[in-house]
Each structure stands twice: as C-alpha cells, then as structure tokens.
Amino acid sequence: MAGMRVPGVLILLAWAPLALAAVSDCVCDPADSESLAARQCSLTREALARPAPPPVFFLRDI
C-alpha cells in the first residue's frame, strides 16, 4: 500500500507550486491598449499578435 502512495505524493509535490502561481492581479486588458504597454504585459501582446489556430507557441527568453 505504501508503494502506491509514493507516486501520488510525488505528483502532488510536483503540482503544488502551480497552486501558488495563480495570477489574480493581472492588469493586462486586451481591450485597453494602454494597459498592454506595461512590461509585464509583453507576453500578452505577443500572444495577441500571433494567429489564433496554434494554441501553443514558444518564445526565446532574452
């Protein structure tokens, strides 16, 4: 029984940081171009500039 708990605990520990990563104070509003001018909205600007069909895209961090 303990052998089955270990993978479950490892999965829980792997996903735990994502619970803290929720962004609730995001000020990036796609309808307001002034809010997108902020540096923290650069990824939102990049996502809006790309075509809609690919649901995932990759960017190089500079």
PDB file of N, CA and C in Angstrom:
ATOM      1  N   MET A   1       0.821  -1.190   0.000  1.00  0.00           N
ATOM      2  CA  MET A   1       0.000   0.000   0.000  1.00  0.00           C
ATOM      3  C   MET A   1       0.865   1.255   0.000  1.00  0.00           C
ATOM      4  N   ALA A   2       1.967   1.211   0.750  1.00  0.00           N
ATOM      5  CA  ALA A   2       2.853   2.375   0.808  1.00  0.00           C
ATOM      6  C   ALA A   2       3.520   2.616  -0.537  1.00  0.00           C
ATOM      7  N   GLY A   3       3.707   1.551  -1.303  1.00  0.00           N
ATOM      8  CA  GLY A   3       4.305   1.699  -2.625  1.00  0.00           C
ATOM      9  C   GLY A   3       3.429   2.493  -3.575  1.00  0.00           C
ATOM     10  N   MET A   4       2.139   2.477  -3.368  1.00  0.00           N
ATOM     11  CA  MET A   4       1.227   3.230  -4.227  1.00  0.00           C
ATOM     12  C   MET A   4       1.130   4.685  -3.783  1.00  0.00           C
ATOM     13  N   ARG A   5       1.444   4.964  -2.533  1.00  0.00           N
ATOM     14  CA  ARG A   5       1.353   6.335  -2.025  1.00  0.00           C
ATOM     15  C   ARG A   5       2.498   7.205  -2.520  1.00  0.00           C
ATOM     16  N   VAL A   6       3.654   6.615  -2.710  1.00  0.00           N
ATOM     17  CA  VAL A   6       4.834   7.387  -3.097  1.00  0.00           C
ATOM     18  C   VAL A   6       4.619   8.117  -4.423  1.00  0.00           C
ATOM     19  N   PRO A   7       4.154   7.456  -5.492  1.00  0.00           N
ATOM     20  CA  PRO A   7       3.925   8.214  -6.731  1.00  0.00           C
ATOM     21  C   PRO A   7       2.877   9.309  -6.565  1.00  0.00           C
ATOM     22  N   GLY A   8       1.855   9.041  -5.780  1.00  0.00           N
ATOM     23  CA  GLY A   8       0.831  10.057  -5.551  1.00  0.00           C
ATOM     24  C   GLY A   8       1.380  11.277  -4.839  1.00  0.00           C
ATOM     25  N   VAL A   9       2.223  11.041  -3.855  1.00  0.00           N
ATOM     26  CA  VAL A   9       2.840  12.147  -3.121  1.00  0.00           C
ATOM     27  C   VAL A   9       3.784  12.916  -4.032  1.00  0.00           C
ATOM     28  N   LEU A  10       4.535  12.210  -4.855  1.00  0.00           N
ATOM     29  CA  LEU A  10       5.449  12.883  -5.784  1.00  0.00           C
ATOM     30  C   LEU A  10       4.691  13.741  -6.794  1.00  0.00           C
ATOM     31  N   ILE A  11       3.586  13.237  -7.283  1.00  0.00           N
ATOM     32  CA  ILE A  11       2.769  14.019  -8.217  1.00  0.00           C
ATOM     33  C   ILE A  11       2.205  15.247  -7.517  1.00  0.00           C
ATOM     34  N   LEU A  12       1.738  15.075  -6.301  1.00  0.00           N
ATOM     35  CA  LEU A  12       1.208  16.202  -5.535  1.00  0.00           C
ATOM     36  C   LEU A  12       2.282  17.260  -5.303  1.00  0.00           C
ATOM     37  N   LEU A  13       3.482  16.841  -4.953  1.00  0.00           N
ATOM     38  CA  LEU A  13       4.576  17.785  -4.733  1.00  0.00           C
ATOM     39  C   LEU A  13       4.990  18.480  -6.026  1.00  0.00           C
ATOM     40  N   ALA A  14       4.896  17.785  -7.140  1.00  0.00           N
ATOM     41  CA  ALA A  14       5.255  18.393  -8.421  1.00  0.00           C
ATOM     42  C   ALA A  14       4.244  19.459  -8.831  1.00  0.00           C
ATOM     43  N   TRP A  15       2.977  19.253  -8.519  1.00  0.00           N
ATOM     44  CA  TRP A  15       1.925  20.200  -8.911  1.00  0.00           C
ATOM     45  C   TRP A  15       1.692  21.302  -7.880  1.00  0.00           C
ATOM     46  N   ALA A  16       2.198  21.160  -6.677  1.00  0.00           N
ATOM     47  CA  ALA A  16       1.948  22.126  -5.601  1.00  0.00           C
ATOM     48  C   ALA A  16       2.381  23.554  -5.942  1.00  0.00           C
ATOM     49  N   PRO A  17       3.542  23.784  -6.557  1.00  0.00           N
ATOM     50  CA  PRO A  17       3.924  25.170  -6.873  1.00  0.00           C
ATOM     51  C   PRO A  17       2.958  25.861  -7.834  1.00  0.00           C
ATOM     52  N   LEU A  18       2.279  25.090  -8.654  1.00  0.00           N
ATOM     53  CA  LEU A  18       1.337  25.694  -9.593  1.00  0.00           C
ATOM     54  C   LEU A  18       0.138  26.303  -8.882  1.00  0.00           C
ATOM     55  N   ALA A  19      -0.190  25.811  -7.720  1.00  0.00           N
ATOM     56  CA  ALA A  19      -1.301  26.382  -6.959  1.00  0.00           C
ATOM     57  C   ALA A  19      -0.969  27.789  -6.498  1.00  0.00           C
ATOM     58  N   LEU A  20       0.301  28.054  -6.266  1.00  0.00           N
ATOM     59  CA  LEU A  20       0.727  29.379  -5.831  1.00  0.00           C
ATOM     60  C   LEU A  20       0.954  30.324  -7.003  1.00  0.00           C
ATOM     61  N   ALA A  21       0.939  29.806  -8.216  1.00  0.00           N
ATOM     62  CA  ALA A  21       1.262  30.608  -9.386  1.00  0.00           C
ATOM     63  C   ALA A  21       0.047  31.314  -9.980  1.00  0.00           C
ATOM     64  N   ALA A  22      -1.088  31.253  -9.343  1.00  0.00           N
ATOM     65  CA  ALA A  22      -2.288  31.901  -9.868  1.00  0.00           C
ATOM     66  C   ALA A  22      -2.086  33.415  -9.920  1.00  0.00           C
ATOM     67  N   VAL A  23      -2.395  33.980 -11.058  1.00  0.00           N
ATOM     68  CA  VAL A  23      -2.243  35.426 -11.231  1.00  0.00           C
ATOM     69  C   VAL A  23      -3.626  36.050 -11.124  1.00  0.00           C
ATOM     70  N   SER A  24      -3.875  36.723 -10.025  1.00  0.00           N
ATOM     71  CA  SER A  24      -5.190  37.322  -9.827  1.00  0.00           C
ATOM     72  C   SER A  24      -5.164  38.835  -9.951  1.00  0.00           C
ATOM     73  N   ASP A  25      -3.977  39.424  -9.967  1.00  0.00           N
ATOM     74  CA  ASP A  25      -3.892  40.877 -10.057  1.00  0.00           C
ATOM     75  C   ASP A  25      -3.332  41.334 -11.402  1.00  0.00           C
ATOM     76  N   CYS A  26      -3.614  40.601 -12.445  1.00  0.00           N
ATOM     77  CA  CYS A  26      -3.135  40.938 -13.783  1.00  0.00           C
ATOM     78  C   CYS A  26      -3.887  42.172 -14.291  1.00  0.00           C
ATOM     79  N   VAL A  27      -3.137  43.151 -14.775  1.00  0.00           N
ATOM     80  CA  VAL A  27      -3.748  44.386 -15.269  1.00  0.00           C
ATOM     81  C   VAL A  27      -3.770  44.433 -16.792  1.00  0.00           C
ATOM     82  N   CYS A  28      -3.384  43.346 -17.447  1.00  0.00           N
ATOM     83  CA  CYS A  28      -3.329  43.308 -18.910  1.00  0.00           C
ATOM     84  C   CYS A  28      -4.731  43.100 -19.479  1.00  0.00           C
ATOM     85  N   ASP A  29      -5.284  44.145 -20.033  1.00  0.00           N
ATOM     86  CA  ASP A  29      -6.610  44.085 -20.634  1.00  0.00           C
ATOM     87  C   ASP A  29      -6.453  44.210 -22.144  1.00  0.00           C
ATOM     88  N   PRO A  30      -6.754  43.161 -22.917  1.00  0.00           N
ATOM     89  CA  PRO A  30      -6.591  43.224 -24.367  1.00  0.00           C
ATOM     90  C   PRO A  30      -7.429  44.318 -25.030  1.00  0.00           C
ATOM     91  N   ALA A  31      -8.499  44.743 -24.393  1.00  0.00           N
ATOM     92  CA  ALA A  31      -9.337  45.793 -24.965  1.00  0.00           C
ATOM     93  C   ALA A  31      -8.746  47.184 -24.744  1.00  0.00           C
ATOM     94  N   ASP A  32      -7.810  47.310 -23.807  1.00  0.00           N
ATOM     95  CA  ASP A  32      -7.213  48.604 -23.479  1.00  0.00           C
ATOM     96  C   ASP A  32      -5.744  48.597 -23.882  1.00  0.00           C
ATOM     97  N   SER A  33      -5.401  49.322 -24.939  1.00  0.00           N
ATOM     98  CA  SER A  33      -4.025  49.311 -25.442  1.00  0.00           C
ATOM     99  C   SER A  33      -3.049  49.951 -24.461  1.00  0.00           C
ATOM    100  N   GLU A  34      -3.512  50.855 -23.623  1.00  0.00           N
ATOM    101  CA  GLU A  34      -2.623  51.478 -22.640  1.00  0.00           C
ATOM    102  C   GLU A  34      -2.180  50.479 -21.572  1.00  0.00           C
ATOM    103  N   SER A  35      -3.058  49.572 -21.193  1.00  0.00           N
ATOM    104  CA  SER A  35      -2.667  48.583 -20.187  1.00  0.00           C
ATOM    105  C   SER A  35      -1.673  47.580 -20.760  1.00  0.00           C
ATOM    106  N   LEU A  36      -1.719  47.343 -22.065  1.00  0.00           N
ATOM    107  CA  LEU A  36      -0.788  46.407 -22.695  1.00  0.00           C
ATOM    108  C   LEU A  36       0.600  47.004 -22.886  1.00  0.00           C
ATOM    109  N   ALA A  37       0.750  48.300 -22.658  1.00  0.00           N
ATOM    110  CA  ALA A  37       2.052  48.942 -22.816  1.00  0.00           C
ATOM    111  C   ALA A  37       3.000  48.596 -21.671  1.00  0.00           C
ATOM    112  N   ALA A  38       2.483  48.104 -20.577  1.00  0.00           N
ATOM    113  CA  ALA A  38       3.320  47.759 -19.423  1.00  0.00           C
ATOM    114  C   ALA A  38       4.219  46.572 -19.755  1.00  0.00           C
ATOM    115  N   ARG A  39       5.394  46.549 -19.140  1.00  0.00           N
ATOM    116  CA  ARG A  39       6.368  45.487 -19.407  1.00  0.00           C
ATOM    117  C   ARG A  39       5.815  44.104 -19.051  1.00  0.00           C
ATOM    118  N   GLN A  40       5.066  43.997 -17.969  1.00  0.00           N
ATOM    119  CA  GLN A  40       4.546  42.700 -17.547  1.00  0.00           C
ATOM    120  C   GLN A  40       3.475  42.161 -18.493  1.00  0.00           C
ATOM    121  N   CYS A  41       3.032  42.969 -19.451  1.00  0.00           N
ATOM    122  CA  CYS A  41       2.033  42.528 -20.425  1.00  0.00           C
ATOM    123  C   CYS A  41       2.667  42.146 -21.764  1.00  0.00           C
ATOM    124  N   SER A  42       3.977  42.035 -21.824  1.00  0.00           N
ATOM    125  CA  SER A  42       4.645  41.758 -23.095  1.00  0.00           C
ATOM    126  C   SER A  42       4.258  40.395 -23.661  1.00  0.00           C
ATOM    127  N   LEU A  43       4.071  39.397 -22.822  1.00  0.00           N
ATOM    128  CA  LEU A  43       3.663  38.086 -23.314  1.00  0.00           C
ATOM    129  C   LEU A  43       2.235  38.125 -23.848  1.00  0.00           C
ATOM    130  N   THR A  44       1.370  38.882 -23.220  1.00  0.00           N
ATOM    131  CA  THR A  44       0.002  39.047 -23.717  1.00  0.00           C
ATOM    132  C   THR A  44       0.012  39.729 -25.075  1.00  0.00           C
ATOM    133  N   ARG A  45       0.835  40.769 -25.225  1.00  0.00           N
ATOM    134  CA  ARG A  45       0.959  41.452 -26.523  1.00  0.00           C
ATOM    135  C   ARG A  45       1.440  40.486 -27.598  1.00  0.00           C
ATOM    136  N   GLU A  46       2.410  39.659 -27.262  1.00  0.00           N
ATOM    137  CA  GLU A  46       2.952  38.694 -28.223  1.00  0.00           C
ATOM    138  C   GLU A  46       1.897  37.659 -28.600  1.00  0.00           C
ATOM    139  N   ALA A  47       1.121  37.196 -27.639  1.00  0.00           N
ATOM    140  CA  ALA A  47       0.075  36.208 -27.921  1.00  0.00           C
ATOM    141  C   ALA A  47      -1.013  36.799 -28.803  1.00  0.00           C
ATOM    142  N   LEU A  48      -1.355  38.065 -28.588  1.00  0.00           N
ATOM    143  CA  LEU A  48      -2.383  38.703 -29.409  1.00  0.00           C
ATOM    144  C   LEU A  48      -1.893  38.969 -30.824  1.00  0.00           C
ATOM    145  N   ALA A  49      -0.587  39.101 -31.013  1.00  0.00           N
ATOM    146  CA  ALA A  49      -0.036  39.368 -32.337  1.00  0.00           C
ATOM    147  C   ALA A  49       0.042  38.108 -33.194  1.00  0.00           C
ATOM    148  N   ARG A  50      -0.074  36.955 -32.590  1.00  0.00           N
ATOM    149  CA  ARG A  50       0.030  35.686 -33.326  1.00  0.00           C
ATOM    150  C   ARG A  50      -1.348  35.239 -33.813  1.00  0.00           C
ATOM    151  N   PRO A  51      -1.373  34.428 -34.879  1.00  0.00           N
ATOM    152  CA  PRO A  51      -2.664  33.909 -35.361  1.00  0.00           C
ATOM    153  C   PRO A  51      -3.281  32.948 -34.338  1.00  0.00           C
ATOM    154  N   ALA A  52      -4.575  32.836 -34.370  1.00  0.00           N
ATOM    155  CA  ALA A  52      -5.305  32.053 -33.369  1.00  0.00           C
ATOM    156  C   ALA A  52      -5.149  30.531 -33.484  1.00  0.00           C
ATOM    157  N   PRO A  53      -5.013  29.932 -34.666  1.00  0.00           N
ATOM    158  CA  PRO A  53      -5.032  28.464 -34.736  1.00  0.00           C
ATOM    159  C   PRO A  53      -4.022  27.727 -33.859  1.00  0.00           C
ATOM    160  N   PRO A  54      -2.750  28.107 -33.771  1.00  0.00           N
ATOM    161  CA  PRO A  54      -1.908  27.303 -32.868  1.00  0.00           C
ATOM    162  C   PRO A  54      -2.181  27.669 -31.406  1.00  0.00           C
ATOM    163  N   PRO A  55      -2.661  26.724 -30.606  1.00  0.00           N
ATOM    164  CA  PRO A  55      -2.991  27.039 -29.212  1.00  0.00           C
ATOM    165  C   PRO A  55      -1.761  27.250 -28.325  1.00  0.00           C
ATOM    166  N   VAL A  56      -0.589  26.801 -28.793  1.00  0.00           N
ATOM    167  CA  VAL A  56       0.644  26.922 -28.019  1.00  0.00           C
ATOM    168  C   VAL A  56       1.722  27.498 -28.918  1.00  0.00           C
ATOM    169  N   PHE A  57       2.520  28.412 -28.381  1.00  0.00           N
ATOM    170  CA  PHE A  57       3.671  28.921 -29.127  1.00  0.00           C
ATOM    171  C   PHE A  57       4.843  29.059 -28.174  1.00  0.00           C
ATOM    172  N   PHE A  58       6.028  29.053 -28.743  1.00  0.00           N
ATOM    173  CA  PHE A  58       7.247  29.123 -27.943  1.00  0.00           C
ATOM    174  C   PHE A  58       8.004  30.385 -28.294  1.00  0.00           C
ATOM    175  N   LEU A  59       8.541  31.047 -27.271  1.00  0.00           N
ATOM    176  CA  LEU A  59       9.350  32.247 -27.451  1.00  0.00           C
ATOM    177  C   LEU A  59      10.681  32.047 -26.749  1.00  0.00           C
ATOM    178  N   ARG A  60      11.695  32.638 -27.320  1.00  0.00           N
ATOM    179  CA  ARG A  60      13.002  32.606 -26.670  1.00  0.00           C
ATOM    180  C   ARG A  60      13.053  33.737 -25.655  1.00  0.00           C
ATOM    181  N   ASP A  61      13.487  33.434 -24.460  1.00  0.00           N
ATOM    182  CA  ASP A  61      13.606  34.438 -23.408  1.00  0.00           C
ATOM    183  C   ASP A  61      14.908  35.195 -23.610  1.00  0.00           C
ATOM    184  N   ILE A  62      14.799  36.506 -23.688  1.00  0.00           N
ATOM    185  CA  ILE A  62      16.016  37.307 -23.894  1.00  0.00           C
ATOM    186  C   ILE A  62      16.346  38.106 -22.668  1.00  0.00           C
TER     187      ILE A  62
END
